[in-house]
Protein backbone atom coordinates (compact mmCIF):
# COMPACT_ATOMS: atom_id res chain seq x y z
CA UNK A 1 -0.02 0.03 0.03
CA UNK A 2 1.40 3.39 -1.03
CA UNK A 3 2.25 5.92 1.71
CA UNK A 4 0.30 9.17 1.48
CA UNK A 5 1.72 12.23 2.73
CA UNK A 6 0.63 16.05 2.69
CA UNK A 7 2.58 19.05 3.58
CA UNK A 8 1.18 22.87 3.96
CA UNK A 9 3.31 25.67 3.16
CA UNK A 10 2.07 29.18 4.11
CA UNK A 11 3.04 32.82 3.98
CA UNK A 12 1.06 36.18 3.93
CA UNK A 13 1.37 39.12 1.79
CA UNK A 14 0.67 42.86 2.88
CA UNK A 15 0.36 45.78 0.28
CA UNK A 16 2.69 48.66 1.42
CA UNK A 17 2.40 51.35 -1.16
CA UNK A 18 2.77 51.86 -4.93
CA UNK A 19 3.47 48.17 -6.44
CA UNK A 20 5.25 46.91 -3.25
CA UNK A 21 4.14 44.27 -0.73
CA UNK A 22 5.86 42.41 2.10
CA UNK A 23 5.84 38.57 2.13
CA UNK A 24 5.57 37.40 5.75
CA UNK A 25 6.11 33.57 6.78
CA UNK A 26 6.16 32.76 10.54
CA UNK A 27 9.39 32.30 11.72
CA UNK A 28 11.30 33.59 8.70
CA UNK A 29 12.69 37.18 7.81
CA UNK A 30 9.89 39.15 5.77
CA UNK A 31 11.06 40.54 2.56
CA UNK A 32 9.37 43.15 -0.08
CA UNK A 33 8.08 42.21 -3.54
CA UNK A 34 7.26 44.38 -6.40
CA UNK A 35 6.22 44.49 -9.96
CA UNK A 36 9.49 44.01 -12.30
CA UNK A 37 10.69 46.94 -14.16
CA UNK A 38 9.44 45.58 -17.29
CA UNK A 39 5.94 45.96 -16.20
CA UNK A 40 6.21 49.28 -14.59
CA UNK A 41 7.93 48.48 -11.30
CA UNK A 42 11.33 48.57 -10.12
CA UNK A 43 14.53 46.39 -9.74
CA UNK A 44 15.06 47.28 -5.97
CA UNK A 45 13.00 44.35 -4.73
CA UNK A 46 12.44 40.73 -5.95
CA UNK A 47 9.62 40.24 -8.35
CA UNK A 48 7.26 37.43 -8.51
CA UNK A 49 8.98 36.27 -11.68
CA UNK A 50 12.34 36.53 -9.93
CA UNK A 51 11.20 34.46 -7.06
CA UNK A 52 9.31 32.05 -9.52
CA UNK A 53 12.85 31.21 -11.34
CA UNK A 54 14.73 31.16 -7.83
CA UNK A 55 12.41 28.65 -6.53
CA UNK A 56 13.07 26.30 -9.54
CA UNK A 57 16.81 27.05 -9.13
CA UNK A 58 16.94 26.55 -5.28
CA UNK A 59 14.72 23.34 -5.47
CA UNK A 60 17.11 21.55 -7.92
CA UNK A 61 19.99 22.53 -5.77
CA UNK A 62 18.25 21.18 -2.47
CA UNK A 63 17.03 18.04 -4.16
CA UNK A 64 20.47 17.49 -5.71
CA UNK A 65 22.12 17.99 -2.15
CA UNK A 66 19.51 15.71 -0.59
CA UNK A 67 20.64 12.82 -3.08
CA UNK A 68 24.26 13.78 -2.81
CA UNK A 69 24.09 13.19 1.09
CA UNK A 70 22.05 10.02 0.66
CA UNK A 71 24.67 8.82 -1.95
CA UNK A 72 27.72 9.92 0.25
CA UNK A 73 28.69 12.33 -2.67
CA UNK A 74 31.26 14.86 -1.38
CA UNK A 75 30.32 18.32 -2.96
CA UNK A 76 32.94 21.02 -2.72
CA UNK A 77 30.90 23.67 -4.41
CA UNK A 78 27.61 24.40 -6.07
CA UNK A 79 26.75 27.50 -7.94
CA UNK A 80 23.92 27.92 -10.36
CA UNK A 81 22.42 30.51 -12.68
CA UNK A 82 18.74 30.33 -13.93
CA UNK A 83 17.23 32.14 -16.99
CA UNK A 84 13.63 32.44 -17.42
CA UNK A 85 12.23 33.09 -20.80
CA UNK A 86 8.58 34.94 -20.91
CA UNK A 87 6.63 35.14 -24.16
CA UNK A 88 3.18 36.17 -25.21
CA UNK A 89 1.11 32.99 -25.91
CA UNK A 90 -2.46 33.03 -26.63
CA UNK A 91 -2.71 36.79 -25.56
CA UNK A 92 -0.97 35.84 -22.13
CA UNK A 93 2.36 36.26 -20.81
CA UNK A 94 3.70 32.91 -19.72
CA UNK A 95 7.11 31.38 -18.91
CA UNK A 96 8.02 29.14 -21.86
CA UNK A 97 11.39 27.90 -20.92
CA UNK A 98 13.57 27.92 -17.68
CA UNK A 99 17.12 27.12 -18.15
CA UNK A 100 19.13 26.10 -14.79
CA UNK A 101 22.86 25.99 -15.20
CA UNK A 102 24.51 24.65 -12.10
CA UNK A 103 28.27 24.30 -11.77
CA UNK A 104 29.14 21.55 -9.41
CA UNK A 105 32.30 20.53 -7.90
CA UNK A 106 32.42 16.91 -6.41
CA UNK A 107 34.59 13.93 -5.78
CA UNK A 108 32.79 11.56 -8.16
CA UNK A 109 31.42 13.38 -11.48
CA UNK A 110 30.01 10.28 -12.71
CA UNK A 111 27.73 9.76 -9.58
CA UNK A 112 26.91 13.51 -9.60
CA UNK A 113 25.66 13.40 -13.31
CA UNK A 114 23.30 10.57 -12.20
CA UNK A 115 22.11 12.47 -8.94
CA UNK A 116 21.47 15.75 -10.91
CA UNK A 117 19.39 13.77 -13.23
CA UNK A 118 17.46 12.33 -10.28
CA UNK A 119 17.20 15.75 -8.76
CA UNK A 120 15.79 16.98 -12.14
CA UNK A 121 13.23 14.20 -12.04
CA UNK A 122 12.18 14.67 -8.41
CA UNK A 123 12.16 18.42 -7.86
CA UNK A 124 9.06 19.49 -6.07
CA UNK A 125 8.60 22.72 -7.78
CA UNK A 126 9.57 21.76 -11.56
CA UNK A 127 6.98 18.79 -11.02
CA UNK A 128 4.37 21.36 -10.24
CA UNK A 129 4.84 23.43 -13.34
CA UNK A 130 4.24 23.05 -16.99
CA UNK A 131 6.95 25.24 -18.21
CA UNK A 132 9.86 23.41 -20.14
CA UNK A 133 12.85 23.22 -17.68
CA UNK A 134 16.30 22.57 -19.02
CA UNK A 135 19.03 21.53 -16.34
CA UNK A 136 22.60 21.80 -18.13
CA UNK A 137 24.90 20.99 -15.21
CA UNK A 138 28.75 21.49 -15.56
CA UNK A 139 30.32 19.00 -13.19
CA UNK A 140 33.93 18.85 -12.39
CA UNK A 141 36.13 16.77 -10.19
CA UNK A 142 37.44 18.44 -7.04
CA UNK A 143 40.47 15.96 -6.96
């Protein structure tokens, strides 16, 4: 019989002024969000678009690190860039592609290749969106 799990995540948003609001999550630092400059906001605070691609980028990393720990892979460094492409489709703006480019230094590049693929397959956030997500890792040996 399969085990059913359910998790609830919650935060609050309060409008401040202009196009700026504050996201509040119990026990965590609050932070401001705004409309991106491309849509009449500013670049001083994170936008929902920034947070969307950051959630994908960080989910791939944390999922990879989970599998690296389970697989006893020594990770010396992990840096990653994410790029999101937005297009007008059927008169709606949508993310059409997200490219995640991690640079990972490990003790076993072969094992890391398998684990990053596993992370890509099992990332909760990427499994929850319909946008094309490309993970293009550069994995190097730390030896």
